[in-house]
Structures are given as structure tokens and as C-alpha cells.
Amino acid sequence: MSEARDVVEVIARALVDEPDAVEVTETDHRGVAVIELFVAPGDLGRVIGRMGRTASALRTLVGVAADYHDFDATLEIREPA
């Protein structure tokens, strides 16, 4: 797994009320690493933040980590099914 995935997992666990419910997966889709962040339904707002600022910051960190290690990545925030 990539360092970008690790960054998302550490930060998400620090943000939420239920860190044990955090799950981060990484798949490859057409040469781009797709990092999916799953959190408890009650923590979804904490991860997205006001007007999406926290989610935007997480996506920026994923992009920086991916650029540093010379690959493309994107972050998707999802609610568990």
C-alpha cells in the first residue's frame, strides 16, 4: 500500500469519534490509485468538515504524498454500506 493511504488513515483516525470504524482501501483504476475512506455514519460530517474544507485538505495531502512518490492518487470519502 502507498504512503498516501497511510496518511489518510492516520489523519482520519485522529479526526473521528470512532477510530475503530475507519477503513481505508486502495485500488488501481486506469493508472490512478483510488483511496477510499470509510467512516461511521456519525463521523462523516467530521471528515468532510464545514463547507468541505477538511475533505479538501485531505485530498490535498493525498495529492502531495502521491506527487512526492511519483504516482497519481485520488481520495473518495464513503459511508459504509
PDB file of N, CA and C in Angstrom:
ATOM      1  N   MET A   1       0.833  -1.188   0.000  1.00  0.00           N
ATOM      2  CA  MET A   1       0.000   0.000   0.000  1.00  0.00           C
ATOM      3  C   MET A   1       0.878   1.251   0.000  1.00  0.00           C
ATOM      4  N   SER A   2       0.300   2.344  -0.398  1.00  0.00           N
ATOM      5  CA  SER A   2       1.069   3.565  -0.571  1.00  0.00           C
ATOM      6  C   SER A   2       1.114   4.411   0.696  1.00  0.00           C
ATOM      7  N   GLU A   3       2.036   5.356   0.672  1.00  0.00           N
ATOM      8  CA  GLU A   3       2.169   6.286   1.783  1.00  0.00           C
ATOM      9  C   GLU A   3       0.959   7.216   1.861  1.00  0.00           C
ATOM     10  N   ALA A   4       0.354   7.519   0.716  1.00  0.00           N
ATOM     11  CA  ALA A   4      -0.840   8.370   0.693  1.00  0.00           C
ATOM     12  C   ALA A   4      -1.973   7.714   1.473  1.00  0.00           C
ATOM     13  N   ARG A   5      -2.118   6.414   1.325  1.00  0.00           N
ATOM     14  CA  ARG A   5      -3.142   5.671   2.070  1.00  0.00           C
ATOM     15  C   ARG A   5      -2.866   5.752   3.567  1.00  0.00           C
ATOM     16  N   ASP A   6      -1.616   5.604   3.945  1.00  0.00           N
ATOM     17  CA  ASP A   6      -1.249   5.681   5.361  1.00  0.00           C
ATOM     18  C   ASP A   6      -1.539   7.062   5.951  1.00  0.00           C
ATOM     19  N   VAL A   7      -1.276   8.110   5.173  1.00  0.00           N
ATOM     20  CA  VAL A   7      -1.551   9.477   5.627  1.00  0.00           C
ATOM     21  C   VAL A   7      -3.041   9.652   5.902  1.00  0.00           C
ATOM     22  N   VAL A   8      -3.867   9.175   4.980  1.00  0.00           N
ATOM     23  CA  VAL A   8      -5.324   9.297   5.137  1.00  0.00           C
ATOM     24  C   VAL A   8      -5.781   8.553   6.386  1.00  0.00           C
ATOM     25  N   GLU A   9      -5.277   7.353   6.589  1.00  0.00           N
ATOM     26  CA  GLU A   9      -5.712   6.553   7.731  1.00  0.00           C
ATOM     27  C   GLU A   9      -5.344   7.211   9.056  1.00  0.00           C
ATOM     28  N   VAL A  10      -4.133   7.705   9.181  1.00  0.00           N
ATOM     29  CA  VAL A  10      -3.689   8.333  10.434  1.00  0.00           C
ATOM     30  C   VAL A  10      -4.507   9.585  10.731  1.00  0.00           C
ATOM     31  N   ILE A  11      -4.703  10.417   9.733  1.00  0.00           N
ATOM     32  CA  ILE A  11      -5.447  11.666   9.955  1.00  0.00           C
ATOM     33  C   ILE A  11      -6.915  11.383  10.231  1.00  0.00           C
ATOM     34  N   ALA A  12      -7.512  10.458   9.499  1.00  0.00           N
ATOM     35  CA  ALA A  12      -8.928  10.145   9.698  1.00  0.00           C
ATOM     36  C   ALA A  12      -9.161   9.590  11.101  1.00  0.00           C
ATOM     37  N   ARG A  13      -8.287   8.713  11.567  1.00  0.00           N
ATOM     38  CA  ARG A  13      -8.445   8.154  12.915  1.00  0.00           C
ATOM     39  C   ARG A  13      -8.341   9.242  13.984  1.00  0.00           C
ATOM     40  N   ALA A  14      -7.556  10.275  13.725  1.00  0.00           N
ATOM     41  CA  ALA A  14      -7.421  11.376  14.675  1.00  0.00           C
ATOM     42  C   ALA A  14      -8.650  12.289  14.672  1.00  0.00           C
ATOM     43  N   LEU A  15      -9.344  12.359  13.556  1.00  0.00           N
ATOM     44  CA  LEU A  15     -10.488  13.268  13.430  1.00  0.00           C
ATOM     45  C   LEU A  15     -11.798  12.718  13.995  1.00  0.00           C
ATOM     46  N   VAL A  16     -12.014  11.429  13.886  1.00  0.00           N
ATOM     47  CA  VAL A  16     -13.329  10.853  14.172  1.00  0.00           C
ATOM     48  C   VAL A  16     -13.504  10.471  15.636  1.00  0.00           C
ATOM     49  N   ASP A  17     -14.767  10.263  16.012  1.00  0.00           N
ATOM     50  CA  ASP A  17     -15.092   9.806  17.359  1.00  0.00           C
ATOM     51  C   ASP A  17     -14.940   8.295  17.497  1.00  0.00           C
ATOM     52  N   GLU A  18     -15.097   7.567  16.384  1.00  0.00           N
ATOM     53  CA  GLU A  18     -14.981   6.111  16.383  1.00  0.00           C
ATOM     54  C   GLU A  18     -13.819   5.678  15.487  1.00  0.00           C
ATOM     55  N   PRO A  19     -12.582   5.763  15.986  1.00  0.00           N
ATOM     56  CA  PRO A  19     -11.432   5.432  15.130  1.00  0.00           C
ATOM     57  C   PRO A  19     -11.382   3.971  14.699  1.00  0.00           C
ATOM     58  N   ASP A  20     -12.013   3.076  15.458  1.00  0.00           N
ATOM     59  CA  ASP A  20     -12.008   1.666  15.064  1.00  0.00           C
ATOM     60  C   ASP A  20     -12.883   1.406  13.842  1.00  0.00           C
ATOM     61  N   ALA A  21     -13.790   2.318  13.534  1.00  0.00           N
ATOM     62  CA  ALA A  21     -14.678   2.155  12.382  1.00  0.00           C
ATOM     63  C   ALA A  21     -14.042   2.659  11.086  1.00  0.00           C
ATOM     64  N   VAL A  22     -12.884   3.302  11.183  1.00  0.00           N
ATOM     65  CA  VAL A  22     -12.219   3.835   9.992  1.00  0.00           C
ATOM     66  C   VAL A  22     -11.609   2.686   9.188  1.00  0.00           C
ATOM     67  N   GLU A  23     -11.905   2.689   7.897  1.00  0.00           N
ATOM     68  CA  GLU A  23     -11.331   1.694   6.990  1.00  0.00           C
ATOM     69  C   GLU A  23     -10.864   2.425   5.736  1.00  0.00           C
ATOM     70  N   VAL A  24      -9.649   2.144   5.315  1.00  0.00           N
ATOM     71  CA  VAL A  24      -9.092   2.781   4.131  1.00  0.00           C
ATOM     72  C   VAL A  24      -8.654   1.691   3.160  1.00  0.00           C
ATOM     73  N   THR A  25      -9.161   1.773   1.941  1.00  0.00           N
ATOM     74  CA  THR A  25      -8.768   0.808   0.916  1.00  0.00           C
ATOM     75  C   THR A  25      -8.125   1.555  -0.238  1.00  0.00           C
ATOM     76  N   GLU A  26      -7.327   0.831  -0.992  1.00  0.00           N
ATOM     77  CA  GLU A  26      -6.674   1.428  -2.156  1.00  0.00           C
ATOM     78  C   GLU A  26      -6.774   0.466  -3.329  1.00  0.00           C
ATOM     79  N   THR A  27      -7.254   0.980  -4.446  1.00  0.00           N
ATOM     80  CA  THR A  27      -7.340   0.192  -5.672  1.00  0.00           C
ATOM     81  C   THR A  27      -6.741   1.004  -6.812  1.00  0.00           C
ATOM     82  N   ASP A  28      -6.415   0.321  -7.877  1.00  0.00           N
ATOM     83  CA  ASP A  28      -5.861   0.987  -9.050  1.00  0.00           C
ATOM     84  C   ASP A  28      -6.933   1.048 -10.126  1.00  0.00           C
ATOM     85  N   HIS A  29      -7.171   2.235 -10.654  1.00  0.00           N
ATOM     86  CA  HIS A  29      -8.165   2.412 -11.710  1.00  0.00           C
ATOM     87  C   HIS A  29      -7.533   3.234 -12.830  1.00  0.00           C
ATOM     88  N   ARG A  30      -7.185   2.562 -13.908  1.00  0.00           N
ATOM     89  CA  ARG A  30      -6.583   3.214 -15.082  1.00  0.00           C
ATOM     90  C   ARG A  30      -5.328   4.015 -14.726  1.00  0.00           C
ATOM     91  N   GLY A  31      -4.482   3.444 -13.908  1.00  0.00           N
ATOM     92  CA  GLY A  31      -3.213   4.088 -13.562  1.00  0.00           C
ATOM     93  C   GLY A  31      -3.290   5.099 -12.439  1.00  0.00           C
ATOM     94  N   VAL A  32      -4.459   5.267 -11.845  1.00  0.00           N
ATOM     95  CA  VAL A  32      -4.637   6.200 -10.731  1.00  0.00           C
ATOM     96  C   VAL A  32      -5.011   5.406  -9.491  1.00  0.00           C
ATOM     97  N   ALA A  33      -4.311   5.655  -8.405  1.00  0.00           N
ATOM     98  CA  ALA A  33      -4.637   4.997  -7.142  1.00  0.00           C
ATOM     99  C   ALA A  33      -5.879   5.666  -6.562  1.00  0.00           C
ATOM    100  N   VAL A  34      -6.926   4.888  -6.357  1.00  0.00           N
ATOM    101  CA  VAL A  34      -8.162   5.405  -5.767  1.00  0.00           C
ATOM    102  C   VAL A  34      -8.182   4.964  -4.309  1.00  0.00           C
ATOM    103  N   ILE A  35      -8.090   5.933  -3.420  1.00  0.00           N
ATOM    104  CA  ILE A  35      -8.092   5.669  -1.988  1.00  0.00           C
ATOM    105  C   ILE A  35      -9.500   5.956  -1.476  1.00  0.00           C
ATOM    106  N   GLU A  36     -10.124   4.938  -0.899  1.00  0.00           N
ATOM    107  CA  GLU A  36     -11.482   5.089  -0.379  1.00  0.00           C
ATOM    108  C   GLU A  36     -11.433   5.096   1.138  1.00  0.00           C
ATOM    109  N   LEU A  37     -12.041   6.102   1.716  1.00  0.00           N
ATOM    110  CA  LEU A  37     -12.102   6.257   3.167  1.00  0.00           C
ATOM    111  C   LEU A  37     -13.521   5.975   3.621  1.00  0.00           C
ATOM    112  N   PHE A  38     -13.681   4.971   4.475  1.00  0.00           N
ATOM    113  CA  PHE A  38     -14.977   4.621   5.046  1.00  0.00           C
ATOM    114  C   PHE A  38     -14.961   4.987   6.522  1.00  0.00           C
ATOM    115  N   VAL A  39     -15.984   5.727   6.964  1.00  0.00           N
ATOM    116  CA  VAL A  39     -16.112   6.102   8.370  1.00  0.00           C
ATOM    117  C   VAL A  39     -17.525   5.807   8.842  1.00  0.00           C
ATOM    118  N   ALA A  40     -17.723   5.794  10.149  1.00  0.00           N
ATOM    119  CA  ALA A  40     -19.058   5.586  10.713  1.00  0.00           C
ATOM    120  C   ALA A  40     -19.977   6.722  10.257  1.00  0.00           C
ATOM    121  N   PRO A  41     -21.268   6.443  10.101  1.00  0.00           N
ATOM    122  CA  PRO A  41     -22.200   7.478   9.632  1.00  0.00           C
ATOM    123  C   PRO A  41     -22.170   8.753  10.480  1.00  0.00           C
ATOM    124  N   GLY A  42     -21.975   8.615  11.769  1.00  0.00           N
ATOM    125  CA  GLY A  42     -21.935   9.790  12.640  1.00  0.00           C
ATOM    126  C   GLY A  42     -20.677  10.620  12.493  1.00  0.00           C
ATOM    127  N   ASP A  43     -19.645  10.048  11.908  1.00  0.00           N
ATOM    128  CA  ASP A  43     -18.367  10.748  11.745  1.00  0.00           C
ATOM    129  C   ASP A  43     -18.183  11.340  10.360  1.00  0.00           C
ATOM    130  N   LEU A  44     -19.122  11.113   9.483  1.00  0.00           N
ATOM    131  CA  LEU A  44     -18.989  11.589   8.111  1.00  0.00           C
ATOM    132  C   LEU A  44     -18.849  13.118   8.062  1.00  0.00           C
ATOM    133  N   GLY A  45     -19.620  13.814   8.859  1.00  0.00           N
ATOM    134  CA  GLY A  45     -19.544  15.274   8.904  1.00  0.00           C
ATOM    135  C   GLY A  45     -18.214  15.782   9.422  1.00  0.00           C
ATOM    136  N   ARG A  46     -17.627  15.062  10.356  1.00  0.00           N
ATOM    137  CA  ARG A  46     -16.332  15.462  10.905  1.00  0.00           C
ATOM    138  C   ARG A  46     -15.233  15.334   9.852  1.00  0.00           C
ATOM    139  N   VAL A  47     -15.335  14.327   9.004  1.00  0.00           N
ATOM    140  CA  VAL A  47     -14.316  14.114   7.984  1.00  0.00           C
ATOM    141  C   VAL A  47     -14.498  15.087   6.816  1.00  0.00           C
ATOM    142  N   ILE A  48     -15.733  15.415   6.499  1.00  0.00           N
ATOM    143  CA  ILE A  48     -15.991  16.359   5.411  1.00  0.00           C
ATOM    144  C   ILE A  48     -15.705  17.788   5.864  1.00  0.00           C
ATOM    145  N   GLY A  49     -16.107  18.141   7.067  1.00  0.00           N
ATOM    146  CA  GLY A  49     -15.832  19.479   7.592  1.00  0.00           C
ATOM    147  C   GLY A  49     -16.804  20.518   7.079  1.00  0.00           C
ATOM    148  N   ARG A  50     -16.672  21.704   7.616  1.00  0.00           N
ATOM    149  CA  ARG A  50     -17.551  22.804   7.201  1.00  0.00           C
ATOM    150  C   ARG A  50     -17.226  23.212   5.781  1.00  0.00           C
ATOM    151  N   MET A  51     -18.257  23.193   4.961  1.00  0.00           N
ATOM    152  CA  MET A  51     -18.159  23.544   3.546  1.00  0.00           C
ATOM    153  C   MET A  51     -17.099  22.709   2.826  1.00  0.00           C
ATOM    154  N   GLY A  52     -16.817  21.506   3.341  1.00  0.00           N
ATOM    155  CA  GLY A  52     -15.898  20.593   2.673  1.00  0.00           C
ATOM    156  C   GLY A  52     -14.427  20.915   2.852  1.00  0.00           C
ATOM    157  N   ARG A  53     -14.107  21.777   3.798  1.00  0.00           N
ATOM    158  CA  ARG A  53     -12.711  22.197   3.960  1.00  0.00           C
ATOM    159  C   ARG A  53     -11.804  21.067   4.427  1.00  0.00           C
ATOM    160  N   THR A  54     -12.276  20.238   5.350  1.00  0.00           N
ATOM    161  CA  THR A  54     -11.451  19.128   5.834  1.00  0.00           C
ATOM    162  C   THR A  54     -11.239  18.110   4.728  1.00  0.00           C
ATOM    163  N   ALA A  55     -12.281  17.796   3.993  1.00  0.00           N
ATOM    164  CA  ALA A  55     -12.160  16.858   2.872  1.00  0.00           C
ATOM    165  C   ALA A  55     -11.202  17.408   1.824  1.00  0.00           C
ATOM    166  N   SER A  56     -11.286  18.687   1.555  1.00  0.00           N
ATOM    167  CA  SER A  56     -10.387  19.311   0.588  1.00  0.00           C
ATOM    168  C   SER A  56      -8.934  19.228   1.058  1.00  0.00           C
ATOM    169  N   ALA A  57      -8.721  19.456   2.346  1.00  0.00           N
ATOM    170  CA  ALA A  57      -7.367  19.371   2.897  1.00  0.00           C
ATOM    171  C   ALA A  57      -6.838  17.936   2.806  1.00  0.00           C
ATOM    172  N   LEU A  58      -7.689  16.951   3.097  1.00  0.00           N
ATOM    173  CA  LEU A  58      -7.281  15.554   2.970  1.00  0.00           C
ATOM    174  C   LEU A  58      -6.908  15.224   1.521  1.00  0.00           C
ATOM    175  N   ARG A  59      -7.698  15.710   0.583  1.00  0.00           N
ATOM    176  CA  ARG A  59      -7.403  15.454  -0.832  1.00  0.00           C
ATOM    177  C   ARG A  59      -6.093  16.116  -1.245  1.00  0.00           C
ATOM    178  N   THR A  60      -5.832  17.292  -0.706  1.00  0.00           N
ATOM    179  CA  THR A  60      -4.566  17.969  -0.992  1.00  0.00           C
ATOM    180  C   THR A  60      -3.389  17.159  -0.458  1.00  0.00           C
ATOM    181  N   LEU A  61      -3.509  16.645   0.763  1.00  0.00           N
ATOM    182  CA  LEU A  61      -2.441  15.833   1.337  1.00  0.00           C
ATOM    183  C   LEU A  61      -2.216  14.554   0.534  1.00  0.00           C
ATOM    184  N   VAL A  62      -3.282  13.949   0.061  1.00  0.00           N
ATOM    185  CA  VAL A  62      -3.148  12.754  -0.775  1.00  0.00           C
ATOM    186  C   VAL A  62      -2.392  13.101  -2.058  1.00  0.00           C
ATOM    187  N   GLY A  63      -2.744  14.215  -2.657  1.00  0.00           N
ATOM    188  CA  GLY A  63      -2.066  14.642  -3.877  1.00  0.00           C
ATOM    189  C   GLY A  63      -0.592  14.923  -3.662  1.00  0.00           C
ATOM    190  N   VAL A  64      -0.268  15.571  -2.554  1.00  0.00           N
ATOM    191  CA  VAL A  64       1.131  15.875  -2.243  1.00  0.00           C
ATOM    192  C   VAL A  64       1.924  14.593  -2.004  1.00  0.00           C
ATOM    193  N   ALA A  65       1.358  13.679  -1.211  1.00  0.00           N
ATOM    194  CA  ALA A  65       2.045  12.413  -0.936  1.00  0.00           C
ATOM    195  C   ALA A  65       2.228  11.610  -2.215  1.00  0.00           C
ATOM    196  N   ALA A  66       1.226  11.617  -3.079  1.00  0.00           N
ATOM    197  CA  ALA A  66       1.322  10.885  -4.342  1.00  0.00           C
ATOM    198  C   ALA A  66       2.370  11.516  -5.250  1.00  0.00           C
ATOM    199  N   ASP A  67       2.390  12.834  -5.350  1.00  0.00           N
ATOM    200  CA  ASP A  67       3.391  13.517  -6.173  1.00  0.00           C
ATOM    201  C   ASP A  67       4.803  13.248  -5.664  1.00  0.00           C
ATOM    202  N   TYR A  68       4.962  13.248  -4.362  1.00  0.00           N
ATOM    203  CA  TYR A  68       6.272  13.015  -3.758  1.00  0.00           C
ATOM    204  C   TYR A  68       6.811  11.629  -4.129  1.00  0.00           C
ATOM    205  N   HIS A  69       5.904  10.657  -4.222  1.00  0.00           N
ATOM    206  CA  HIS A  69       6.310   9.288  -4.553  1.00  0.00           C
ATOM    207  C   HIS A  69       6.039   8.942  -6.015  1.00  0.00           C
ATOM    208  N   ASP A  70       5.771   9.987  -6.823  1.00  0.00           N
ATOM    209  CA  ASP A  70       5.682   9.870  -8.271  1.00  0.00           C
ATOM    210  C   ASP A  70       4.581   8.928  -8.763  1.00  0.00           C
ATOM    211  N   PHE A  71       3.349   9.145  -8.279  1.00  0.00           N
ATOM    212  CA  PHE A  71       2.188   8.451  -8.827  1.00  0.00           C
ATOM    213  C   PHE A  71       0.970   9.343  -8.648  1.00  0.00           C
ATOM    214  N   ASP A  72      -0.121   8.994  -9.286  1.00  0.00           N
ATOM    215  CA  ASP A  72      -1.363   9.763  -9.203  1.00  0.00           C
ATOM    216  C   ASP A  72      -2.310   9.075  -8.233  1.00  0.00           C
ATOM    217  N   ALA A  73      -3.032   9.886  -7.445  1.00  0.00           N
ATOM    218  CA  ALA A  73      -3.990   9.322  -6.492  1.00  0.00           C
ATOM    219  C   ALA A  73      -5.150  10.286  -6.301  1.00  0.00           C
ATOM    220  N   THR A  74      -6.279   9.714  -5.926  1.00  0.00           N
ATOM    221  CA  THR A  74      -7.467  10.494  -5.614  1.00  0.00           C
ATOM    222  C   THR A  74      -8.116   9.902  -4.366  1.00  0.00           C
ATOM    223  N   LEU A  75      -8.845  10.733  -3.645  1.00  0.00           N
ATOM    224  CA  LEU A  75      -9.499  10.310  -2.406  1.00  0.00           C
ATOM    225  C   LEU A  75     -11.008  10.349  -2.571  1.00  0.00           C
ATOM    226  N   GLU A  76     -11.667   9.271  -2.181  1.00  0.00           N
ATOM    227  CA  GLU A  76     -13.124   9.196  -2.156  1.00  0.00           C
ATOM    228  C   GLU A  76     -13.548   8.928  -0.715  1.00  0.00           C
ATOM    229  N   ILE A  77     -14.455   9.729  -0.194  1.00  0.00           N
ATOM    230  CA  ILE A  77     -14.963   9.545   1.164  1.00  0.00           C
ATOM    231  C   ILE A  77     -16.330   8.899   1.058  1.00  0.00           C
ATOM    232  N   ARG A  78     -16.477   7.760   1.722  1.00  0.00           N
ATOM    233  CA  ARG A  78     -17.704   6.984   1.605  1.00  0.00           C
ATOM    234  C   ARG A  78     -18.236   6.588   2.979  1.00  0.00           C
ATOM    235  N   GLU A  79     -19.536   6.329   2.982  1.00  0.00           N
ATOM    236  CA  GLU A  79     -20.199   5.803   4.161  1.00  0.00           C
ATOM    237  C   GLU A  79     -20.285   4.288   3.988  1.00  0.00           C
ATOM    238  N   PRO A  80     -20.036   3.519   5.052  1.00  0.00           N
ATOM    239  CA  PRO A  80     -20.108   2.064   4.890  1.00  0.00           C
ATOM    240  C   PRO A  80     -21.526   1.625   4.513  1.00  0.00           C
ATOM    241  N   ALA A  81     -21.604   0.581   3.703  1.00  0.00           N
ATOM    242  CA  ALA A  81     -22.905   0.089   3.233  1.00  0.00           C
ATOM    243  C   ALA A  81     -23.653  -0.640   4.309  1.00  0.00           C
TER     244      ALA A  81
END
